[in-house]
Amino acid sequence: MQRVYLVYIFIVFTLASSLGSANQCIPTESLFDNRFSDLESRIIEAADDPIVYKPQVCYKNVRELYFEYLQPQYLAKDFKVLFIFKRSFSKDFPKLINPTQHGFMAKRQRLPAVWNYHVVLEYKGQIIDLDYPDAKLISKQEFKDNFYARDLDDLVLVTTSASDYFQSVHLQINPVLALQNFKKNGKKYSLSGYLDKK
């Protein structure tokens, strides 16, 4: 009888405590905010890590960011890799006789540089660019505003799945093979058109 009484008390106590917390719902928006906040804090930490961020090798930096700071909490399938370049670069590549004619730069960068191409990540409509001076998630509009108007009309991008990009062995060996792979397998857009999409 004592055993039944103890079990009864345990059940009542468990039900009472679960009812008290049942009304404490977490709004969906809060879950997304927490997810973005966690991701942003990882980006900030990674941007100061010399293993992850090296100037002029953005195509490697995005990979290092994912492997060193984002996995396994974030799935590669939830990211896109964006490869940005000028139309003229696309036509001449890989035989770049005069690479400087294809250069472009951002208004705000961590270190001054002229790019022939630039590689960034996209996560749920937010851009991750380790070359941006403030390590954070960047809205598409803010990212677009960071390019000069003289370049914007000529800039295009190719998107590819991060899962494929992170698995590719060529990227570690030779960026030319990586870029050829991008052109062959990705979807091509004008930069403005892509960033203006909701």
Protein backbone atom coordinates (compact mmCIF):
# COMPACT_ATOMS: atom_id res chain seq x y z
CA MET A 1 0.00 0.00 0.00
CA GLN A 2 2.85 2.34 0.83
CA ARG A 3 4.41 1.71 -2.59
CA VAL A 4 1.15 2.60 -4.39
CA TYR A 5 0.84 5.75 -2.29
CA LEU A 6 4.40 6.85 -3.24
CA VAL A 7 3.73 6.21 -6.94
CA TYR A 8 0.51 8.24 -6.66
CA ILE A 9 2.37 11.18 -5.06
CA PHE A 10 5.05 11.01 -7.78
CA ILE A 11 2.43 11.11 -10.57
CA VAL A 12 0.56 14.04 -9.00
CA PHE A 13 3.79 15.97 -8.45
CA THR A 14 4.93 15.32 -12.08
CA LEU A 15 1.57 16.44 -13.49
CA ALA A 16 1.50 19.57 -11.35
CA SER A 17 5.00 20.63 -12.39
CA SER A 18 4.33 19.97 -16.08
CA LEU A 19 1.10 22.03 -15.95
CA GLY A 20 3.02 24.93 -14.49
CA SER A 21 5.44 24.99 -17.42
CA ALA A 22 2.89 24.11 -20.11
CA ASN A 23 1.83 27.72 -20.58
CA GLN A 24 5.39 28.90 -21.12
CA CYS A 25 5.40 28.72 -24.91
CA ILE A 26 8.35 30.07 -26.84
CA PRO A 27 7.31 32.11 -29.88
CA THR A 28 8.66 30.85 -33.20
CA GLU A 29 10.26 34.24 -33.90
CA SER A 30 12.25 33.89 -30.70
CA LEU A 31 13.63 30.54 -31.84
CA PHE A 32 14.78 32.09 -35.14
CA ASP A 33 16.30 35.08 -33.32
CA ASN A 34 18.22 32.75 -31.04
CA ARG A 35 19.42 30.73 -34.03
CA PHE A 36 20.64 33.86 -35.84
CA SER A 37 22.20 35.21 -32.64
CA ASP A 38 24.14 31.97 -32.15
CA LEU A 39 25.27 31.96 -35.79
CA GLU A 40 26.36 35.59 -35.61
CA SER A 41 28.43 34.99 -32.46
CA ARG A 42 30.17 32.09 -34.24
CA ILE A 43 30.90 34.34 -37.24
CA ILE A 44 32.37 37.04 -34.99
CA GLU A 45 34.65 34.50 -33.31
CA ALA A 46 35.68 32.92 -36.61
CA ALA A 47 36.51 36.27 -38.22
CA ASP A 48 39.30 36.76 -35.67
CA ASP A 49 40.65 33.23 -36.05
CA PRO A 50 43.75 33.14 -38.31
CA ILE A 51 42.99 29.52 -39.21
CA VAL A 52 39.63 30.57 -40.66
CA TYR A 53 40.23 34.04 -42.09
CA LYS A 54 43.11 34.71 -44.45
CA PRO A 55 43.05 37.70 -46.80
CA GLN A 56 42.60 37.02 -50.52
CA VAL A 57 41.43 33.40 -50.17
CA CYS A 58 37.68 33.82 -49.68
CA TYR A 59 37.02 30.54 -51.49
CA LYS A 60 38.87 28.74 -48.67
CA ASN A 61 37.65 30.97 -45.84
CA VAL A 62 34.00 29.98 -46.27
CA ARG A 63 34.97 26.33 -46.08
CA GLU A 64 37.09 26.84 -42.97
CA LEU A 65 34.30 28.83 -41.34
CA TYR A 66 31.88 25.97 -41.86
CA PHE A 67 34.19 23.15 -40.74
CA GLU A 68 35.77 24.97 -37.79
CA TYR A 69 32.78 26.85 -36.36
CA LEU A 70 29.43 25.86 -37.83
CA GLN A 71 29.20 22.10 -38.13
CA PRO A 72 27.54 19.96 -36.75
CA GLN A 73 25.07 22.49 -35.31
CA TYR A 74 24.38 23.94 -38.77
CA LEU A 75 23.75 21.70 -41.76
CA ALA A 76 25.60 22.38 -45.01
CA LYS A 77 22.35 21.88 -46.95
CA ASP A 78 20.97 25.06 -45.35
CA PHE A 79 23.72 27.21 -46.91
CA LYS A 80 24.38 28.41 -50.44
CA VAL A 81 27.76 29.45 -51.75
CA LEU A 82 27.69 32.62 -53.86
CA PHE A 83 30.48 33.22 -56.35
CA ILE A 84 30.52 36.87 -57.53
CA PHE A 85 32.44 38.11 -60.58
CA LYS A 86 32.19 40.41 -63.60
CA ARG A 87 30.64 39.22 -66.86
CA SER A 88 33.93 39.93 -68.62
CA PHE A 89 35.73 37.63 -66.17
CA SER A 90 33.25 34.89 -66.96
CA LYS A 91 33.93 35.21 -70.70
CA ASP A 92 37.74 35.21 -70.41
CA PHE A 93 38.10 32.69 -67.61
CA PRO A 94 40.28 30.64 -67.24
CA LYS A 95 42.57 32.40 -69.77
CA LEU A 96 42.95 35.73 -68.01
CA ILE A 97 45.29 37.74 -70.21
CA ASN A 98 44.76 40.96 -68.25
CA PRO A 99 43.20 40.00 -64.89
CA THR A 100 43.12 43.59 -63.58
CA GLN A 101 40.45 44.62 -66.11
CA HIS A 102 38.04 42.24 -64.38
CA GLY A 103 38.62 43.65 -60.90
CA PHE A 104 36.03 45.12 -58.56
CA MET A 105 35.98 46.05 -54.92
CA ALA A 106 33.58 46.66 -52.08
CA LYS A 107 33.12 50.03 -50.40
CA ARG A 108 33.79 48.51 -46.98
CA GLN A 109 36.33 45.71 -46.59
CA ARG A 110 38.52 44.48 -43.77
CA LEU A 111 41.59 44.96 -45.94
CA PRO A 112 41.73 46.97 -49.19
CA ALA A 113 41.68 44.59 -52.13
CA VAL A 114 40.61 44.35 -55.75
CA TRP A 115 38.84 41.09 -56.48
CA ASN A 116 38.51 39.14 -59.71
CA TYR A 117 35.91 37.09 -57.88
CA HIS A 118 34.52 36.91 -54.39
CA VAL A 119 32.99 33.96 -52.52
CA VAL A 120 30.50 34.32 -49.66
CA LEU A 121 27.87 32.19 -47.91
CA GLU A 122 24.13 32.69 -47.75
CA TYR A 123 22.08 31.34 -44.86
CA LYS A 124 18.29 31.73 -44.92
CA GLY A 125 18.47 34.96 -46.93
CA GLN A 126 21.35 36.47 -44.92
CA ILE A 127 24.88 36.90 -46.30
CA ILE A 128 28.05 35.84 -44.47
CA ASP A 129 31.11 37.67 -45.79
CA LEU A 130 34.27 37.34 -43.72
CA ASP A 131 35.83 40.23 -45.68
CA TYR A 132 33.14 42.59 -44.41
CA PRO A 133 34.60 44.81 -41.64
CA ASP A 134 31.85 43.96 -39.14
CA ALA A 135 31.63 40.22 -38.67
CA LYS A 136 27.88 39.65 -38.73
CA LEU A 137 24.98 38.41 -40.78
CA ILE A 138 24.36 40.92 -43.56
CA SER A 139 21.01 41.58 -45.20
CA LYS A 140 20.94 41.21 -48.98
CA GLN A 141 20.23 44.93 -49.33
CA GLU A 142 23.18 45.94 -47.13
CA PHE A 143 25.43 43.56 -49.06
CA LYS A 144 24.29 45.03 -52.39
CA ASP A 145 24.80 48.58 -51.11
CA ASN A 146 28.42 47.71 -50.36
CA PHE A 147 29.28 47.50 -54.08
CA TYR A 148 30.03 50.53 -56.22
CA ALA A 149 27.37 51.50 -58.76
CA ARG A 150 29.98 51.44 -61.56
CA ASP A 151 30.50 47.70 -60.92
CA LEU A 152 27.02 46.64 -59.95
CA ASP A 153 25.55 46.44 -63.47
CA ASP A 154 28.40 44.19 -64.61
CA LEU A 155 28.48 41.88 -61.60
CA VAL A 156 26.93 38.43 -61.78
CA LEU A 157 26.85 35.54 -59.38
CA VAL A 158 26.63 31.81 -59.50
CA THR A 159 25.01 29.92 -56.64
CA THR A 160 25.79 26.38 -55.72
CA SER A 161 24.86 24.18 -52.81
CA ALA A 162 27.25 24.41 -49.89
CA SER A 163 27.07 20.64 -49.47
CA ASP A 164 28.58 20.16 -52.92
CA TYR A 165 31.10 22.95 -52.45
CA PHE A 166 32.33 21.68 -49.09
CA GLN A 167 32.72 18.14 -50.42
CA SER A 168 34.70 19.09 -53.52
CA VAL A 169 38.34 18.00 -53.28
CA HIS A 170 39.33 20.34 -56.12
CA LEU A 171 38.77 23.44 -54.02
CA GLN A 172 41.64 22.64 -51.69
CA ILE A 173 44.03 22.03 -54.56
CA ASN A 174 43.27 24.52 -57.28
CA PRO A 175 40.93 27.54 -57.31
CA VAL A 176 40.78 27.44 -61.13
CA LEU A 177 39.14 24.01 -60.96
CA ALA A 178 36.82 25.34 -58.29
CA LEU A 179 35.73 28.24 -60.47
CA GLN A 180 35.25 26.00 -63.50
CA ASN A 181 33.10 23.75 -61.34
CA PHE A 182 31.07 26.77 -60.26
CA LYS A 183 30.44 27.86 -63.84
CA LYS A 184 29.47 24.36 -64.90
CA ASN A 185 27.20 23.34 -62.00
CA GLY A 186 25.81 26.53 -60.46
CA LYS A 187 22.88 28.78 -61.37
CA LYS A 188 23.85 32.16 -62.81
CA TYR A 189 22.12 35.47 -61.93
CA SER A 190 22.82 39.18 -62.14
CA LEU A 191 24.03 40.22 -58.69
CA SER A 192 21.41 42.97 -58.35
CA GLY A 193 18.61 40.68 -59.53
CA TYR A 194 19.54 37.96 -57.07
CA LEU A 195 19.95 40.28 -54.09
CA ASP A 196 16.67 42.08 -54.88
CA LYS A 197 14.72 38.78 -54.73
CA LYS A 198 12.80 38.23 -51.51
